Amino acid sequence: MTDDDIEIRRLAREDAVLYRDIRLEALQANPEAFGSTFEVEDAQPLSLFSDRLGSSTVLGAFRDTELVGIVGFAVQQGQKEAHKGALWGMYVRPAARNAKVGRRLVEAVCNHARQQVELIQLSVVVDNEQARSLYARLGFLEYGVEKNALKQAGRCYDLVLMAKDLSRH
């Protein structure tokens, strides 16, 4: 797989089946990395995923018709926080991880976010060195650690908080 084989586009309601499949895979493969769980989302009807795509910004990376990566974006709510956005739900299938899919998704979400916000934030599990390195290479700076942010199977995970100033470009 090469970078040229990948198309990045916003997911629509019609992509709900593909989105559900990759989202559930992400929750199973890396349960420590997400606030939700496989069990909770697996029990949800397809309409929940369709509604999420209709009301949220979720970008997908496609190789032909296969969805190989996803990332979400949301503008913060409230007058005093509307200048900030959040990158959420990032996942790239293992077979696509060395084809710059993650990089392309983060660049695409930043380009989208730049039209709406001045700052984009994210959180990533401390142990996920590959993701932290990717975000740092793309201009995200670490600004804190949330201790024991997530608890999965009796183990607590710290999250590194990162942000990128989009107003400088």
N, C-alpha and C. Protein backbone atom coordinates (compact mmCIF):
# COMPACT_ATOMS: atom_id res chain seq x y z
N MET A 1 0.85 -1.18 0.00
CA MET A 1 0.00 0.00 0.00
C MET A 1 0.89 1.23 0.00
N THR A 2 0.58 2.17 -0.87
CA THR A 2 1.32 3.42 -0.91
C THR A 2 0.40 4.58 -0.57
N ASP A 3 1.02 5.70 -0.29
CA ASP A 3 0.29 6.92 0.03
C ASP A 3 -0.67 7.30 -1.10
N ASP A 4 -0.27 7.04 -2.34
CA ASP A 4 -1.10 7.39 -3.49
C ASP A 4 -2.38 6.57 -3.59
N ASP A 5 -2.39 5.41 -2.97
CA ASP A 5 -3.56 4.53 -3.02
C ASP A 5 -4.68 5.00 -2.10
N ILE A 6 -4.42 5.99 -1.27
CA ILE A 6 -5.34 6.37 -0.20
C ILE A 6 -6.13 7.63 -0.56
N GLU A 7 -7.44 7.55 -0.34
CA GLU A 7 -8.31 8.72 -0.51
C GLU A 7 -8.88 9.07 0.86
N ILE A 8 -8.80 10.33 1.24
CA ILE A 8 -9.36 10.80 2.51
C ILE A 8 -10.65 11.57 2.18
N ARG A 9 -11.73 11.21 2.87
CA ARG A 9 -12.98 11.95 2.69
C ARG A 9 -13.82 11.86 3.96
N ARG A 10 -14.75 12.80 4.05
CA ARG A 10 -15.67 12.80 5.19
C ARG A 10 -16.65 11.64 5.03
N LEU A 11 -16.89 10.94 6.13
CA LEU A 11 -17.85 9.85 6.11
C LEU A 11 -19.26 10.40 6.20
N ALA A 12 -20.17 9.76 5.49
CA ALA A 12 -21.58 10.13 5.47
C ALA A 12 -22.41 9.02 6.09
N ARG A 13 -23.67 9.29 6.33
CA ARG A 13 -24.57 8.29 6.93
C ARG A 13 -24.50 6.94 6.18
N GLU A 14 -24.34 7.02 4.87
CA GLU A 14 -24.30 5.80 4.05
C GLU A 14 -23.09 4.93 4.35
N ASP A 15 -22.09 5.48 5.04
CA ASP A 15 -20.87 4.74 5.40
C ASP A 15 -20.99 4.07 6.77
N ALA A 16 -22.18 4.06 7.34
CA ALA A 16 -22.36 3.58 8.73
C ALA A 16 -21.87 2.15 8.93
N VAL A 17 -22.11 1.25 7.98
CA VAL A 17 -21.68 -0.15 8.15
C VAL A 17 -20.15 -0.22 8.21
N LEU A 18 -19.49 0.46 7.29
CA LEU A 18 -18.02 0.47 7.28
C LEU A 18 -17.47 1.12 8.55
N TYR A 19 -18.08 2.23 8.96
CA TYR A 19 -17.64 2.94 10.15
C TYR A 19 -17.82 2.07 11.40
N ARG A 20 -18.97 1.43 11.52
CA ARG A 20 -19.23 0.56 12.67
C ARG A 20 -18.17 -0.54 12.75
N ASP A 21 -17.85 -1.16 11.61
CA ASP A 21 -16.87 -2.25 11.60
C ASP A 21 -15.50 -1.80 12.08
N ILE A 22 -15.02 -0.67 11.57
CA ILE A 22 -13.68 -0.21 11.96
C ILE A 22 -13.67 0.32 13.39
N ARG A 23 -14.75 0.95 13.80
CA ARG A 23 -14.85 1.47 15.17
C ARG A 23 -14.82 0.31 16.17
N LEU A 24 -15.59 -0.75 15.90
CA LEU A 24 -15.60 -1.91 16.79
C LEU A 24 -14.24 -2.60 16.80
N GLU A 25 -13.59 -2.67 15.64
CA GLU A 25 -12.23 -3.24 15.58
C GLU A 25 -11.28 -2.43 16.46
N ALA A 26 -11.37 -1.11 16.38
CA ALA A 26 -10.51 -0.24 17.18
C ALA A 26 -10.73 -0.48 18.67
N LEU A 27 -12.00 -0.56 19.07
CA LEU A 27 -12.32 -0.76 20.49
C LEU A 27 -11.85 -2.13 20.99
N GLN A 28 -11.84 -3.13 20.12
CA GLN A 28 -11.34 -4.46 20.52
C GLN A 28 -9.82 -4.49 20.54
N ALA A 29 -9.20 -3.91 19.51
CA ALA A 29 -7.75 -3.99 19.38
C ALA A 29 -7.02 -3.13 20.42
N ASN A 30 -7.55 -1.98 20.73
CA ASN A 30 -6.90 -1.05 21.66
C ASN A 30 -7.91 -0.50 22.66
N PRO A 31 -8.46 -1.36 23.52
CA PRO A 31 -9.50 -0.91 24.45
C PRO A 31 -9.03 0.19 25.41
N GLU A 32 -7.73 0.24 25.67
CA GLU A 32 -7.21 1.24 26.59
C GLU A 32 -7.18 2.64 25.99
N ALA A 33 -7.34 2.74 24.67
CA ALA A 33 -7.15 4.01 23.99
C ALA A 33 -8.42 4.84 23.81
N PHE A 34 -9.57 4.28 24.15
CA PHE A 34 -10.84 4.96 23.87
C PHE A 34 -11.69 5.05 25.13
N GLY A 35 -12.47 6.11 25.21
CA GLY A 35 -13.36 6.30 26.35
C GLY A 35 -14.53 5.35 26.37
N SER A 36 -14.92 4.86 25.20
CA SER A 36 -16.02 3.91 25.10
C SER A 36 -15.48 2.48 25.13
N THR A 37 -16.40 1.50 25.08
CA THR A 37 -15.97 0.10 25.09
C THR A 37 -16.62 -0.65 23.93
N PHE A 38 -15.99 -1.76 23.56
CA PHE A 38 -16.53 -2.62 22.52
C PHE A 38 -17.93 -3.10 22.91
N GLU A 39 -18.08 -3.52 24.15
CA GLU A 39 -19.36 -4.08 24.59
C GLU A 39 -20.49 -3.07 24.48
N VAL A 40 -20.23 -1.83 24.86
CA VAL A 40 -21.26 -0.79 24.79
C VAL A 40 -21.63 -0.50 23.34
N GLU A 41 -20.63 -0.30 22.49
CA GLU A 41 -20.93 0.09 21.11
C GLU A 41 -21.42 -1.08 20.25
N ASP A 42 -20.95 -2.30 20.56
CA ASP A 42 -21.42 -3.47 19.82
C ASP A 42 -22.91 -3.70 20.04
N ALA A 43 -23.41 -3.30 21.19
CA ALA A 43 -24.83 -3.49 21.52
C ALA A 43 -25.73 -2.42 20.88
N GLN A 44 -25.13 -1.41 20.27
CA GLN A 44 -25.90 -0.31 19.70
C GLN A 44 -26.40 -0.65 18.30
N PRO A 45 -27.56 -0.12 17.93
CA PRO A 45 -28.07 -0.35 16.57
C PRO A 45 -27.23 0.43 15.55
N LEU A 46 -27.29 -0.01 14.30
CA LEU A 46 -26.57 0.66 13.23
C LEU A 46 -26.96 2.13 13.13
N SER A 47 -28.20 2.45 13.49
CA SER A 47 -28.67 3.83 13.41
C SER A 47 -27.84 4.77 14.30
N LEU A 48 -27.30 4.28 15.40
CA LEU A 48 -26.45 5.12 16.25
C LEU A 48 -25.22 5.57 15.48
N PHE A 49 -24.60 4.66 14.73
CA PHE A 49 -23.41 4.98 13.95
C PHE A 49 -23.76 5.92 12.79
N SER A 50 -24.90 5.67 12.17
CA SER A 50 -25.38 6.53 11.09
C SER A 50 -25.64 7.93 11.62
N ASP A 51 -26.30 8.03 12.77
CA ASP A 51 -26.58 9.33 13.38
C ASP A 51 -25.29 10.06 13.76
N ARG A 52 -24.31 9.31 14.27
CA ARG A 52 -23.02 9.92 14.64
C ARG A 52 -22.37 10.53 13.40
N LEU A 53 -22.43 9.82 12.29
CA LEU A 53 -21.82 10.34 11.06
C LEU A 53 -22.59 11.53 10.52
N GLY A 54 -23.89 11.57 10.77
CA GLY A 54 -24.71 12.69 10.32
C GLY A 54 -24.52 13.94 11.15
N SER A 55 -24.15 13.77 12.41
CA SER A 55 -24.05 14.92 13.31
C SER A 55 -22.61 15.28 13.69
N SER A 56 -21.64 14.48 13.26
CA SER A 56 -20.25 14.70 13.62
C SER A 56 -19.39 14.77 12.37
N THR A 57 -18.18 15.26 12.54
CA THR A 57 -17.21 15.21 11.46
C THR A 57 -16.30 14.02 11.70
N VAL A 58 -16.42 13.00 10.85
CA VAL A 58 -15.54 11.84 10.91
C VAL A 58 -14.95 11.67 9.52
N LEU A 59 -13.63 11.70 9.45
CA LEU A 59 -12.94 11.49 8.19
C LEU A 59 -12.49 10.05 8.08
N GLY A 60 -12.52 9.52 6.87
CA GLY A 60 -12.09 8.15 6.63
C GLY A 60 -11.01 8.10 5.58
N ALA A 61 -10.09 7.16 5.75
CA ALA A 61 -9.05 6.88 4.75
C ALA A 61 -9.46 5.60 4.03
N PHE A 62 -9.58 5.69 2.72
CA PHE A 62 -10.00 4.55 1.91
C PHE A 62 -8.89 4.09 0.98
N ARG A 63 -8.73 2.78 0.91
CA ARG A 63 -7.93 2.15 -0.14
C ARG A 63 -8.94 1.40 -0.98
N ASP A 64 -9.21 1.90 -2.17
CA ASP A 64 -10.31 1.40 -3.00
C ASP A 64 -11.59 1.57 -2.20
N THR A 65 -12.28 0.48 -1.89
CA THR A 65 -13.53 0.60 -1.12
C THR A 65 -13.34 0.23 0.35
N GLU A 66 -12.10 -0.12 0.75
CA GLU A 66 -11.85 -0.51 2.14
C GLU A 66 -11.52 0.71 3.01
N LEU A 67 -12.23 0.82 4.12
CA LEU A 67 -11.98 1.88 5.08
C LEU A 67 -10.83 1.43 5.98
N VAL A 68 -9.67 2.10 5.87
CA VAL A 68 -8.47 1.64 6.58
C VAL A 68 -8.09 2.53 7.75
N GLY A 69 -8.77 3.68 7.90
CA GLY A 69 -8.46 4.56 9.02
C GLY A 69 -9.57 5.58 9.23
N ILE A 70 -9.70 6.04 10.47
CA ILE A 70 -10.72 7.03 10.82
C ILE A 70 -10.17 8.03 11.82
N VAL A 71 -10.76 9.22 11.81
CA VAL A 71 -10.47 10.23 12.83
C VAL A 71 -11.68 11.15 12.91
N GLY A 72 -12.00 11.57 14.13
CA GLY A 72 -13.12 12.48 14.34
C GLY A 72 -12.64 13.86 14.75
N PHE A 73 -13.54 14.85 14.56
CA PHE A 73 -13.26 16.22 14.96
C PHE A 73 -14.53 16.84 15.51
N ALA A 74 -14.40 17.58 16.58
CA ALA A 74 -15.54 18.28 17.16
C ALA A 74 -15.10 19.65 17.66
N VAL A 75 -15.92 20.65 17.41
CA VAL A 75 -15.68 21.99 17.96
C VAL A 75 -16.22 21.99 19.38
N GLN A 76 -15.45 22.59 20.30
CA GLN A 76 -15.89 22.67 21.69
C GLN A 76 -17.16 23.51 21.79
N GLN A 77 -17.99 23.18 22.73
CA GLN A 77 -19.25 23.89 22.94
C GLN A 77 -19.05 25.02 23.95
N GLY A 78 -19.84 26.05 23.80
CA GLY A 78 -19.77 27.17 24.74
C GLY A 78 -19.02 28.34 24.14
N GLN A 79 -19.51 29.51 24.40
CA GLN A 79 -18.96 30.73 23.82
C GLN A 79 -17.47 30.91 24.09
N LYS A 80 -17.03 30.57 25.30
CA LYS A 80 -15.65 30.80 25.68
C LYS A 80 -14.70 29.68 25.23
N GLU A 81 -15.26 28.59 24.70
CA GLU A 81 -14.41 27.48 24.25
C GLU A 81 -14.55 27.17 22.76
N ALA A 82 -15.36 27.95 22.05
CA ALA A 82 -15.64 27.68 20.65
C ALA A 82 -14.44 27.89 19.72
N HIS A 83 -13.36 28.45 20.25
CA HIS A 83 -12.14 28.63 19.46
C HIS A 83 -11.28 27.36 19.44
N LYS A 84 -11.73 26.33 20.20
CA LYS A 84 -10.97 25.08 20.31
C LYS A 84 -11.74 23.92 19.71
N GLY A 85 -10.99 22.96 19.19
CA GLY A 85 -11.59 21.75 18.68
C GLY A 85 -10.85 20.55 19.23
N ALA A 86 -11.47 19.37 19.07
CA ALA A 86 -10.86 18.14 19.57
C ALA A 86 -10.74 17.11 18.46
N LEU A 87 -9.57 16.54 18.34
CA LEU A 87 -9.35 15.38 17.49
C LEU A 87 -9.69 14.17 18.36
N TRP A 88 -10.53 13.26 17.86
CA TRP A 88 -10.95 12.11 18.67
C TRP A 88 -11.09 10.87 17.79
N GLY A 89 -11.08 9.70 18.44
CA GLY A 89 -11.40 8.44 17.76
C GLY A 89 -10.45 8.02 16.67
N MET A 90 -9.18 8.41 16.75
CA MET A 90 -8.20 8.08 15.70
C MET A 90 -7.88 6.59 15.75
N TYR A 91 -7.95 5.94 14.58
CA TYR A 91 -7.56 4.54 14.48
C TYR A 91 -7.17 4.23 13.04
N VAL A 92 -6.06 3.53 12.88
CA VAL A 92 -5.61 3.06 11.57
C VAL A 92 -5.41 1.56 11.67
N ARG A 93 -5.99 0.84 10.72
CA ARG A 93 -5.85 -0.62 10.70
C ARG A 93 -4.36 -0.99 10.56
N PRO A 94 -3.93 -2.07 11.24
CA PRO A 94 -2.50 -2.43 11.25
C PRO A 94 -1.86 -2.51 9.85
N ALA A 95 -2.55 -3.06 8.87
CA ALA A 95 -1.97 -3.20 7.53
C ALA A 95 -1.71 -1.87 6.85
N ALA A 96 -2.32 -0.79 7.35
CA ALA A 96 -2.17 0.53 6.73
C ALA A 96 -1.26 1.46 7.53
N ARG A 97 -0.66 0.96 8.59
CA ARG A 97 0.07 1.85 9.50
C ARG A 97 1.40 2.36 8.97
N ASN A 98 1.99 1.70 7.99
CA ASN A 98 3.26 2.19 7.47
C ASN A 98 3.11 2.84 6.11
N ALA A 99 1.91 3.24 5.76
CA ALA A 99 1.64 3.87 4.46
C ALA A 99 1.25 5.34 4.62
N LYS A 100 1.63 5.94 5.75
CA LYS A 100 1.35 7.36 6.02
C LYS A 100 -0.14 7.67 6.12
N VAL A 101 -0.96 6.67 6.41
CA VAL A 101 -2.40 6.88 6.54
C VAL A 101 -2.69 7.75 7.76
N GLY A 102 -2.06 7.46 8.88
CA GLY A 102 -2.26 8.27 10.09
C GLY A 102 -1.88 9.71 9.85
N ARG A 103 -0.73 9.92 9.22
CA ARG A 103 -0.28 11.27 8.91
C ARG A 103 -1.30 12.00 8.03
N ARG A 104 -1.79 11.34 7.00
CA ARG A 104 -2.76 11.95 6.08
C ARG A 104 -4.06 12.29 6.80
N LEU A 105 -4.50 11.42 7.70
CA LEU A 105 -5.73 11.68 8.45
C LEU A 105 -5.57 12.89 9.37
N VAL A 106 -4.46 12.96 10.09
CA VAL A 106 -4.24 14.08 11.00
C VAL A 106 -4.09 15.38 10.22
N GLU A 107 -3.37 15.36 9.11
CA GLU A 107 -3.25 16.57 8.28
C GLU A 107 -4.62 17.01 7.76
N ALA A 108 -5.42 16.04 7.32
CA ALA A 108 -6.76 16.37 6.79
C ALA A 108 -7.66 16.96 7.87
N VAL A 109 -7.61 16.39 9.07
CA VAL A 109 -8.47 16.90 10.14
C VAL A 109 -7.99 18.30 10.57
N CYS A 110 -6.69 18.52 10.55
CA CYS A 110 -6.18 19.86 10.89
C CYS A 110 -6.60 20.87 9.83
N ASN A 111 -6.53 20.50 8.56
CA ASN A 111 -6.96 21.41 7.50
C ASN A 111 -8.45 21.74 7.62
N HIS A 112 -9.24 20.73 7.96
CA HIS A 112 -10.67 20.95 8.17
C HIS A 112 -10.89 21.86 9.39
N ALA A 113 -10.20 21.58 10.47
CA ALA A 113 -10.37 22.32 11.73
C ALA A 113 -9.94 23.78 11.59
N ARG A 114 -8.93 24.02 10.78
CA ARG A 114 -8.39 25.38 10.61
C ARG A 114 -9.46 26.36 10.13
N GLN A 115 -10.48 25.86 9.46
CA GLN A 115 -11.56 26.71 8.97
C GLN A 115 -12.51 27.13 10.10
N GLN A 116 -12.42 26.45 11.25
CA GLN A 116 -13.40 26.66 12.32
C GLN A 116 -12.82 27.06 13.67
N VAL A 117 -11.59 26.63 13.96
CA VAL A 117 -11.02 26.86 15.28
C VAL A 117 -9.57 27.34 15.19
N GLU A 118 -9.07 27.84 16.31
CA GLU A 118 -7.69 28.32 16.39
C GLU A 118 -6.76 27.28 16.99
N LEU A 119 -7.32 26.35 17.75
CA LEU A 119 -6.52 25.38 18.50
C LEU A 119 -7.18 24.02 18.39
N ILE A 120 -6.38 22.98 18.15
CA ILE A 120 -6.92 21.62 18.15
C ILE A 120 -6.20 20.83 19.22
N GLN A 121 -6.99 20.12 20.02
CA GLN A 121 -6.46 19.35 21.15
C GLN A 121 -6.74 17.87 20.95
N LEU A 122 -5.96 17.04 21.64
CA LEU A 122 -6.20 15.61 21.64
C LEU A 122 -5.61 15.02 22.91
N SER A 123 -5.98 13.79 23.18
CA SER A 123 -5.34 13.05 24.26
C SER A 123 -4.96 11.68 23.72
N VAL A 124 -3.85 11.16 24.23
CA VAL A 124 -3.33 9.88 23.75
C VAL A 124 -2.72 9.14 24.94
N VAL A 125 -2.91 7.84 24.98
CA VAL A 125 -2.38 7.02 26.07
C VAL A 125 -0.85 7.19 26.13
N VAL A 126 -0.34 7.38 27.33
CA VAL A 126 1.09 7.61 27.55
C VAL A 126 1.94 6.56 26.83
N ASP A 127 1.53 5.30 26.89
CA ASP A 127 2.33 4.21 26.32
C ASP A 127 2.31 4.15 24.80
N ASN A 128 1.44 4.91 24.15
CA ASN A 128 1.33 4.85 22.69
C ASN A 128 2.37 5.77 22.05
N GLU A 129 3.62 5.31 22.07
CA GLU A 129 4.74 6.11 21.57
C GLU A 129 4.61 6.41 20.08
N GLN A 130 4.09 5.47 19.30
CA GLN A 130 3.96 5.67 17.86
C GLN A 130 3.02 6.84 17.56
N ALA A 131 1.88 6.88 18.24
CA ALA A 131 0.92 7.97 18.02
C ALA A 131 1.49 9.29 18.55
N ARG A 132 2.09 9.27 19.72
CA ARG A 132 2.65 10.50 20.28
C ARG A 132 3.71 11.09 19.35
N SER A 133 4.52 10.22 18.79
CA SER A 133 5.56 10.66 17.86
C SER A 133 4.96 11.27 16.59
N LEU A 134 3.92 10.63 16.06
CA LEU A 134 3.24 11.15 14.88
C LEU A 134 2.68 12.54 15.16
N TYR A 135 1.95 12.67 16.26
CA TYR A 135 1.36 13.97 16.59
C TYR A 135 2.44 15.04 16.78
N ALA A 136 3.54 14.69 17.44
CA ALA A 136 4.63 15.65 17.65
C ALA A 136 5.25 16.07 16.32
N ARG A 137 5.45 15.13 15.39
CA ARG A 137 6.01 15.45 14.07
C ARG A 137 5.09 16.40 13.31
N LEU A 138 3.79 16.35 13.60
CA LEU A 138 2.83 17.19 12.89
C LEU A 138 2.52 18.49 13.64
N GLY A 139 3.33 18.79 14.66
CA GLY A 139 3.23 20.09 15.32
C GLY A 139 2.43 20.15 16.60
N PHE A 140 1.98 19.00 17.10
CA PHE A 140 1.27 19.00 18.38
C PHE A 140 2.28 19.02 19.51
N LEU A 141 2.00 19.83 20.52
CA LEU A 141 2.88 19.94 21.69
C LEU A 141 2.18 19.33 22.90
N GLU A 142 2.96 18.60 23.71
CA GLU A 142 2.42 18.04 24.95
C GLU A 142 2.33 19.16 25.98
N TYR A 143 1.18 19.23 26.66
CA TYR A 143 1.03 20.28 27.68
C TYR A 143 0.57 19.75 29.03
N GLY A 144 0.44 18.44 29.16
CA GLY A 144 0.07 17.90 30.45
C GLY A 144 -0.23 16.43 30.39
N VAL A 145 -0.46 15.87 31.55
CA VAL A 145 -0.81 14.45 31.67
C VAL A 145 -2.01 14.35 32.59
N GLU A 146 -3.03 13.65 32.15
CA GLU A 146 -4.17 13.36 33.00
C GLU A 146 -3.93 11.98 33.61
N LYS A 147 -3.66 11.96 34.90
CA LYS A 147 -3.35 10.71 35.60
C LYS A 147 -4.62 9.86 35.73
N ASN A 148 -4.46 8.56 35.55
CA ASN A 148 -5.57 7.60 35.72
C ASN A 148 -6.82 8.04 34.96
N ALA A 149 -6.65 8.52 33.73
CA ALA A 149 -7.76 9.06 32.95
C ALA A 149 -8.75 7.99 32.54
N LEU A 150 -8.25 6.83 32.18
CA LEU A 150 -9.11 5.72 31.75
C LEU A 150 -8.77 4.48 32.54
N LYS A 151 -9.79 3.66 32.79
CA LYS A 151 -9.57 2.41 33.52
C LYS A 151 -10.17 1.28 32.70
N GLN A 152 -9.34 0.32 32.35
CA GLN A 152 -9.74 -0.81 31.52
C GLN A 152 -9.23 -2.09 32.17
N ALA A 153 -10.13 -3.03 32.41
CA ALA A 153 -9.77 -4.34 32.98
C ALA A 153 -8.94 -4.18 34.25
N GLY A 154 -9.33 -3.25 35.12
CA GLY A 154 -8.67 -3.07 36.40
C GLY A 154 -7.38 -2.28 36.36
N ARG A 155 -6.95 -1.85 35.18
CA ARG A 155 -5.71 -1.08 35.06
C ARG A 155 -6.04 0.35 34.65
N CYS A 156 -5.36 1.30 35.27
CA CYS A 156 -5.54 2.71 34.92
C CYS A 156 -4.50 3.13 33.89
N TYR A 157 -4.93 4.04 33.02
CA TYR A 157 -4.06 4.56 31.97
C TYR A 157 -4.01 6.08 32.06
N ASP A 158 -2.80 6.61 31.97
CA ASP A 158 -2.61 8.05 31.92
C ASP A 158 -2.73 8.52 30.47
N LEU A 159 -3.27 9.72 30.28
CA LEU A 159 -3.36 10.30 28.95
C LEU A 159 -2.46 11.53 28.86
N VAL A 160 -1.71 11.61 27.76
CA VAL A 160 -0.92 12.80 27.46
C VAL A 160 -1.85 13.75 26.72
N LEU A 161 -1.89 15.00 27.15
CA LEU A 161 -2.71 16.04 26.53
C LEU A 161 -1.81 16.79 25.54
N MET A 162 -2.29 16.94 24.32
CA MET A 162 -1.51 17.60 23.27
C MET A 162 -2.38 18.63 22.56
N ALA A 163 -1.74 19.66 22.03
CA ALA A 163 -2.47 20.69 21.31
C ALA A 163 -1.61 21.25 20.19
N LYS A 164 -2.29 21.76 19.16
CA LYS A 164 -1.62 22.42 18.04
C LYS A 164 -2.32 23.74 17.77
N ASP A 165 -1.53 24.81 17.69
CA ASP A 165 -2.06 26.14 17.38
C ASP A 165 -2.24 26.22 15.87
N LEU A 166 -3.48 26.34 15.44
CA LEU A 166 -3.79 26.39 14.00
C LEU A 166 -3.77 27.82 13.47
N SER A 167 -3.68 28.80 14.33
CA SER A 167 -3.75 30.20 13.90
C SER A 167 -2.44 30.70 13.32
N ARG A 168 -1.40 29.92 13.42
CA ARG A 168 -0.07 30.37 12.96
C ARG A 168 0.18 30.10 11.49
N HIS A 169 -0.70 29.39 10.82
CA HIS A 169 -0.45 29.03 9.42
C HIS A 169 -1.36 29.80 8.50
